[in-house]
C-alpha atoms as a PDB file:
ATOM      1  CA  MET A   1     -11.989   5.653 -18.012  1.00  0.00           C
ATOM      2  CA  ASN A   2     -11.073   4.608 -14.487  1.00  0.00           C
ATOM      3  CA  LYS A   3     -13.378   5.268 -11.553  1.00  0.00           C
ATOM      4  CA  VAL A   4     -11.501   6.958  -8.686  1.00  0.00           C
ATOM      5  CA  THR A   5     -12.880   6.782  -5.134  1.00  0.00           C
ATOM      6  CA  THR A   6     -11.543   8.978  -2.335  1.00  0.00           C
ATOM      7  CA  LEU A   7     -10.914   6.943   0.818  1.00  0.00           C
ATOM      8  CA  PRO A   8     -11.204   8.150   4.447  1.00  0.00           C
ATOM      9  CA  LEU A   9      -7.573   9.322   4.880  1.00  0.00           C
ATOM     10  CA  PRO A  10      -6.549  12.393   2.840  1.00  0.00           C
ATOM     11  CA  GLY A  11      -4.747  11.392  -0.329  1.00  0.00           C
ATOM     12  CA  LEU A  12      -5.696   7.691  -0.330  1.00  0.00           C
ATOM     13  CA  LEU A  13      -7.473   6.721  -3.539  1.00  0.00           C
ATOM     14  CA  LEU A  14      -9.013   3.536  -4.881  1.00  0.00           C
ATOM     15  CA  ILE A  15      -8.795   3.194  -8.650  1.00  0.00           C
ATOM     16  CA  GLN A  16     -11.201   0.830 -10.397  1.00  0.00           C
ATOM     17  CA  PRO A  17     -10.357   0.257 -14.068  1.00  0.00           C
ATOM     18  CA  GLN A  18     -12.885   0.004 -16.861  1.00  0.00           C
ATOM     19  CA  LEU A  19     -12.999  -3.718 -17.687  1.00  0.00           C
ATOM     20  CA  TYR A  20     -13.926  -4.909 -21.168  1.00  0.00           C
ATOM     21  CA  LYS A  21     -15.259  -8.467 -20.932  1.00  0.00           C
ATOM     22  CA  ASP A  22     -16.441 -10.941 -23.531  1.00  0.00           C
ATOM     23  CA  ASP A  23     -16.492 -14.699 -24.057  1.00  0.00           C
ATOM     24  CA  ARG A  24     -12.685 -14.718 -24.454  1.00  0.00           C
ATOM     25  CA  GLY A  25     -11.995 -13.098 -21.066  1.00  0.00           C
ATOM     26  CA  TYR A  26     -11.245  -9.467 -20.283  1.00  0.00           C
ATOM     27  CA  PHE A  27      -9.035  -6.496 -21.144  1.00  0.00           C
ATOM     28  CA  PHE A  28      -8.204  -3.288 -19.285  1.00  0.00           C
ATOM     29  CA  GLU A  29      -5.579  -0.570 -19.263  1.00  0.00           C
ATOM     30  CA  VAL A  30      -3.448  -0.898 -16.140  1.00  0.00           C
ATOM     31  CA  SER A  31      -2.135   2.630 -16.471  1.00  0.00           C
ATOM     32  CA  ARG A  32      -2.008   5.514 -18.901  1.00  0.00           C
ATOM     33  CA  SER A  33       0.353   8.370 -18.099  1.00  0.00           C
ATOM     34  CA  SER A  34      -2.136  11.122 -18.969  1.00  0.00           C
ATOM     35  CA  GLU A  35      -4.881   9.512 -16.843  1.00  0.00           C
ATOM     36  CA  LEU A  36      -2.575   8.971 -13.862  1.00  0.00           C
ATOM     37  CA  LYS A  37      -1.468  12.612 -13.996  1.00  0.00           C
ATOM     38  CA  ARG A  38      -5.110  13.727 -14.156  1.00  0.00           C
ATOM     39  CA  GLN A  39      -6.099  11.472 -11.252  1.00  0.00           C
ATOM     40  CA  LEU A  40      -2.999  11.666  -9.034  1.00  0.00           C
ATOM     41  CA  GLY A  41      -1.289  14.911  -9.979  1.00  0.00           C
ATOM     42  CA  ASP A  42       2.233  15.328 -11.278  1.00  0.00           C
ATOM     43  CA  ILE A  43       3.598  11.941 -10.227  1.00  0.00           C
ATOM     44  CA  ASP A  44       6.132  10.011 -12.257  1.00  0.00           C
ATOM     45  CA  PHE A  45       6.537   6.401 -11.227  1.00  0.00           C
ATOM     46  CA  VAL A  46      10.219   5.445 -11.478  1.00  0.00           C
ATOM     47  CA  GLN A  47      10.294   1.929 -10.036  1.00  0.00           C
ATOM     48  CA  GLU A  48       8.022  -1.093 -10.170  1.00  0.00           C
ATOM     49  CA  SER A  49       8.456  -3.962  -7.707  1.00  0.00           C
ATOM     50  CA  GLN A  50       6.688  -7.269  -7.207  1.00  0.00           C
ATOM     51  CA  SER A  51       6.430  -9.625  -4.258  1.00  0.00           C
ATOM     52  CA  GLY A  52       5.005 -13.085  -3.773  1.00  0.00           C
ATOM     53  CA  SER A  53       3.776 -14.074  -0.325  1.00  0.00           C
ATOM     54  CA  TYR A  54       2.188 -17.145   1.207  1.00  0.00           C
ATOM     55  CA  GLN A  55      -0.898 -17.063   3.441  1.00  0.00           C
ATOM     56  CA  HIS A  56      -0.428 -15.363   6.821  1.00  0.00           C
ATOM     57  CA  VAL A  57       2.681 -13.442   5.665  1.00  0.00           C
ATOM     58  CA  LEU A  58       2.551  -9.881   6.965  1.00  0.00           C
ATOM     59  CA  ARG A  59       4.873  -7.320   5.368  1.00  0.00           C
ATOM     60  CA  GLY A  60       5.291  -3.892   6.921  1.00  0.00           C
ATOM     61  CA  LEU A  61       4.711  -1.279   8.075  1.00  0.00           C
ATOM     62  CA  HIS A  62       7.399   0.220   5.805  1.00  0.00           C
ATOM     63  CA  TYR A  63       8.264   3.712   4.617  1.00  0.00           C
ATOM     64  CA  GLN A  64      11.207   5.841   3.534  1.00  0.00           C
ATOM     65  CA  LEU A  65      11.931   8.959   5.573  1.00  0.00           C
ATOM     66  CA  ASN A  66      14.263  11.058   3.405  1.00  0.00           C
ATOM     67  CA  LYS A  67      12.921   9.926   0.065  1.00  0.00           C
ATOM     68  CA  PRO A  68       9.233   9.273   0.793  1.00  0.00           C
ATOM     69  CA  GLN A  69       7.472   7.155  -1.781  1.00  0.00           C
ATOM     70  CA  ALA A  70       4.007   7.466  -3.224  1.00  0.00           C
ATOM     71  CA  LYS A  71       2.819   3.961  -4.142  1.00  0.00           C
ATOM     72  CA  LEU A  72       0.318   2.501  -6.568  1.00  0.00           C
ATOM     73  CA  ILE A  73      -0.501  -1.058  -5.461  1.00  0.00           C
ATOM     74  CA  ARG A  74      -2.229  -3.854  -7.348  1.00  0.00           C
ATOM     75  CA  VAL A  75      -2.743  -7.556  -6.614  1.00  0.00           C
ATOM     76  CA  LEU A  76      -1.955  -9.838  -9.562  1.00  0.00           C
ATOM     77  CA  THR A  77      -2.880 -13.115  -7.843  1.00  0.00           C
ATOM     78  CA  GLY A  78      -4.797 -13.753  -4.623  1.00  0.00           C
ATOM     79  CA  ARG A  79      -6.061 -11.453  -1.849  1.00  0.00           C
ATOM     80  CA  ILE A  80      -4.413  -9.161   0.674  1.00  0.00           C
ATOM     81  CA  PHE A  81      -5.467  -6.836   3.463  1.00  0.00           C
ATOM     82  CA  ASP A  82      -3.589  -3.650   2.644  1.00  0.00           C
ATOM     83  CA  VAL A  83      -2.906  -0.992   5.302  1.00  0.00           C
ATOM     84  CA  ALA A  84      -1.745   2.617   5.085  1.00  0.00           C
ATOM     85  CA  VAL A  85      -0.807   4.679   8.170  1.00  0.00           C
ATOM     86  CA  ASP A  86      -0.623   8.472   7.947  1.00  0.00           C
ATOM     87  CA  LEU A  87       2.765   9.650   9.285  1.00  0.00           C
ATOM     88  CA  ARG A  88       2.409  13.288   8.162  1.00  0.00           C
ATOM     89  CA  GLN A  89       2.496  15.287  11.394  1.00  0.00           C
ATOM     90  CA  HIS A  90       0.635  18.223   9.795  1.00  0.00           C
ATOM     91  CA  SER A  91      -2.218  16.004   8.608  1.00  0.00           C
ATOM     92  CA  ALA A  92      -5.606  15.933  10.330  1.00  0.00           C
ATOM     93  CA  SER A  93      -5.411  12.130  10.080  1.00  0.00           C
ATOM     94  CA  PHE A  94      -1.900  11.806  11.557  1.00  0.00           C
ATOM     95  CA  GLY A  95      -1.508   8.429  13.283  1.00  0.00           C
ATOM     96  CA  GLN A  96      -4.667   7.002  11.737  1.00  0.00           C
ATOM     97  CA  TRP A  97      -4.746   3.900   9.564  1.00  0.00           C
ATOM     98  CA  TYR A  98      -6.951   2.601   6.826  1.00  0.00           C
ATOM     99  CA  GLY A  99      -7.212  -1.032   5.738  1.00  0.00           C
ATOM    100  CA  PHE A 100      -8.717  -2.360   2.557  1.00  0.00           C
ATOM    101  CA  GLU A 101      -8.941  -5.792   0.931  1.00  0.00           C
ATOM    102  CA  LEU A 102      -7.407  -5.877  -2.523  1.00  0.00           C
ATOM    103  CA  CYS A 103      -7.834  -8.921  -4.741  1.00  0.00           C
ATOM    104  CA  SER A 104      -6.848  -9.980  -8.212  1.00  0.00           C
ATOM    105  CA  GLU A 105     -10.469 -10.506  -9.302  1.00  0.00           C
ATOM    106  CA  LYS A 106     -11.474  -6.848  -8.923  1.00  0.00           C
ATOM    107  CA  LYS A 107      -8.337  -5.417 -10.613  1.00  0.00           C
ATOM    108  CA  GLN A 108      -8.409  -2.386  -8.291  1.00  0.00           C
ATOM    109  CA  GLN A 109      -5.371  -0.284  -7.490  1.00  0.00           C
ATOM    110  CA  LEU A 110      -4.719   1.535  -4.227  1.00  0.00           C
ATOM    111  CA  PHE A 111      -2.855   4.834  -4.368  1.00  0.00           C
ATOM    112  CA  ILE A 112      -0.956   5.740  -1.197  1.00  0.00           C
ATOM    113  CA  PRO A 113       0.622   9.213  -1.192  1.00  0.00           C
ATOM    114  CA  ALA A 114       4.091   9.959   0.154  1.00  0.00           C
ATOM    115  CA  GLY A 115       4.133  10.319   3.936  1.00  0.00           C
ATOM    116  CA  PHE A 116       2.391   7.044   4.758  1.00  0.00           C
ATOM    117  CA  ALA A 117       3.689   3.747   6.105  1.00  0.00           C
ATOM    118  CA  HIS A 118       2.454   0.700   4.204  1.00  0.00           C
ATOM    119  CA  GLY A 119       1.972  -2.980   4.924  1.00  0.00           C
ATOM    120  CA  PHE A 120      -0.176  -5.924   3.981  1.00  0.00           C
ATOM    121  CA  LEU A 121      -1.323  -9.338   5.184  1.00  0.00           C
ATOM    122  CA  THR A 122      -1.768 -12.182   2.689  1.00  0.00           C
ATOM    123  CA  LEU A 123      -5.294 -13.594   3.012  1.00  0.00           C
ATOM    124  CA  SER A 124      -5.223 -16.195   0.224  1.00  0.00           C
ATOM    125  CA  SER A 125      -2.954 -19.232   0.035  1.00  0.00           C
ATOM    126  CA  TYR A 126      -0.608 -17.141  -2.129  1.00  0.00           C
ATOM    127  CA  ALA A 127      -0.609 -13.556  -3.399  1.00  0.00           C
ATOM    128  CA  GLU A 128       1.473 -11.622  -5.875  1.00  0.00           C
ATOM    129  CA  VAL A 129       1.545  -7.871  -5.378  1.00  0.00           C
ATOM    130  CA  VAL A 130       3.008  -5.294  -7.736  1.00  0.00           C
ATOM    131  CA  TYR A 131       3.587  -1.693  -6.796  1.00  0.00           C
ATOM    132  CA  LYS A 132       4.899   1.351  -8.553  1.00  0.00           C
ATOM    133  CA  THR A 133       6.771   4.051  -6.621  1.00  0.00           C
ATOM    134  CA  ASP A 134       7.673   7.621  -7.464  1.00  0.00           C
ATOM    135  CA  GLN A 135      11.052   7.361  -5.658  1.00  0.00           C
ATOM    136  CA  TYR A 136      13.698   4.691  -5.916  1.00  0.00           C
ATOM    137  CA  TYR A 137      14.243   2.310  -3.010  1.00  0.00           C
ATOM    138  CA  ASP A 138      16.744   3.877  -0.614  1.00  0.00           C
ATOM    139  CA  PRO A 139      17.935   1.476   2.115  1.00  0.00           C
ATOM    140  CA  VAL A 140      19.477   4.331   4.160  1.00  0.00           C
ATOM    141  CA  SER A 141      16.088   6.066   4.319  1.00  0.00           C
ATOM    142  CA  GLU A 142      14.082   2.913   5.033  1.00  0.00           C
ATOM    143  CA  ARG A 143      12.098   2.739   8.274  1.00  0.00           C
ATOM    144  CA  ALA A 144       9.578   0.315   9.795  1.00  0.00           C
ATOM    145  CA  ILE A 145       6.895   0.527  12.474  1.00  0.00           C
ATOM    146  CA  ARG A 146       5.655  -2.541  14.324  1.00  0.00           C
ATOM    147  CA  TRP A 147       2.662  -4.110  12.658  1.00  0.00           C
ATOM    148  CA  ASP A 148       1.105  -4.764  16.086  1.00  0.00           C
ATOM    149  CA  ASP A 149       1.786  -1.373  17.652  1.00  0.00           C
ATOM    150  CA  PRO A 150      -0.802  -0.875  20.434  1.00  0.00           C
ATOM    151  CA  GLN A 151      -1.110   2.874  19.809  1.00  0.00           C
ATOM    152  CA  LEU A 152      -2.069   2.312  16.151  1.00  0.00           C
ATOM    153  CA  ALA A 153      -4.297  -0.678  17.052  1.00  0.00           C
ATOM    154  CA  ILE A 154      -4.617  -1.899  13.470  1.00  0.00           C
ATOM    155  CA  GLN A 155      -7.393  -4.462  13.168  1.00  0.00           C
ATOM    156  CA  TRP A 156      -5.600  -7.023  11.008  1.00  0.00           C
ATOM    157  CA  PRO A 157      -7.935  -9.900   9.975  1.00  0.00           C
ATOM    158  CA  LEU A 158      -5.658 -12.505  11.545  1.00  0.00           C
ATOM    159  CA  THR A 159      -6.667 -16.141  11.778  1.00  0.00           C
ATOM    160  CA  GLU A 160      -3.304 -17.201  13.213  1.00  0.00           C
ATOM    161  CA  THR A 161       0.051 -15.697  14.185  1.00  0.00           C
ATOM    162  CA  PRO A 162       1.443 -13.845  11.150  1.00  0.00           C
ATOM    163  CA  ILE A 163       4.726 -14.746   9.492  1.00  0.00           C
ATOM    164  CA  ILE A 164       7.019 -11.708   9.582  1.00  0.00           C
ATOM    165  CA  SER A 165      10.624 -10.944   8.649  1.00  0.00           C
ATOM    166  CA  ASP A 166      13.406 -10.434  11.174  1.00  0.00           C
ATOM    167  CA  LYS A 167      13.488  -6.775  10.129  1.00  0.00           C
ATOM    168  CA  ASP A 168       9.780  -6.343  10.870  1.00  0.00           C
ATOM    169  CA  ALA A 169      10.157  -8.136  14.209  1.00  0.00           C
ATOM    170  CA  LYS A 170      12.693  -5.453  15.218  1.00  0.00           C
ATOM    171  CA  ALA A 171      10.621  -2.501  13.959  1.00  0.00           C
ATOM    172  CA  GLN A 172      10.065   0.588  16.130  1.00  0.00           C
ATOM    173  CA  SER A 173       6.940   1.543  17.967  1.00  0.00           C
ATOM    174  CA  PHE A 174       4.794   4.304  16.505  1.00  0.00           C
ATOM    175  CA  ALA A 175       5.664   6.550  19.466  1.00  0.00           C
ATOM    176  CA  SER A 176       9.399   6.334  18.733  1.00  0.00           C
ATOM    177  CA  ALA A 177       9.173   6.300  14.916  1.00  0.00           C
ATOM    178  CA  ASP A 178      10.582   9.000  12.682  1.00  0.00           C
ATOM    179  CA  ILE A 179       7.691  10.920  11.109  1.00  0.00           C
ATOM    180  CA  PHE A 180       7.203  13.458   8.331  1.00  0.00           C
ATOM    181  CA  LEU A 181       7.323  16.941   9.796  1.00  0.00           C
ATOM    182  CA  LYS A 182       6.366  18.925   6.694  1.00  0.00           C
END
């Protein structure tokens, strides 16, 4: 049975699996449909993606406007600082962010509901991240907010200038970003 912890922004959840350890190593269930439905509601994950990133790579803040994605994120190798920003205008936490360190050793998963932007910074020399989404990737609906937006003031644990993509370098400010109105 997984332990589910509610995080400060409405809808964000930290899922800690039940690990079974012995002298051979460990075993745990990554996901079980019935448990996910009990913990997260009626969500069907339709796509699973994986990325590999070197230290100081910062990806995000990404979201899809017309086909918003709920995400279930897990680190397979290494450590990341994972960030979710609430873009739901009706939410009491609209415009607020939450950051959390995820690492392969703890086997935790972070659930981010639809209506949030998401990004992460690689803290280890290399990290592999896998995430499930409840909507397919839709490039027409894709949006990005600047990782260093002064209005959001995300406290990234930077030790040097992050490595970002050209797309992320051209991302919008939070003030001019498309948001979720309902």
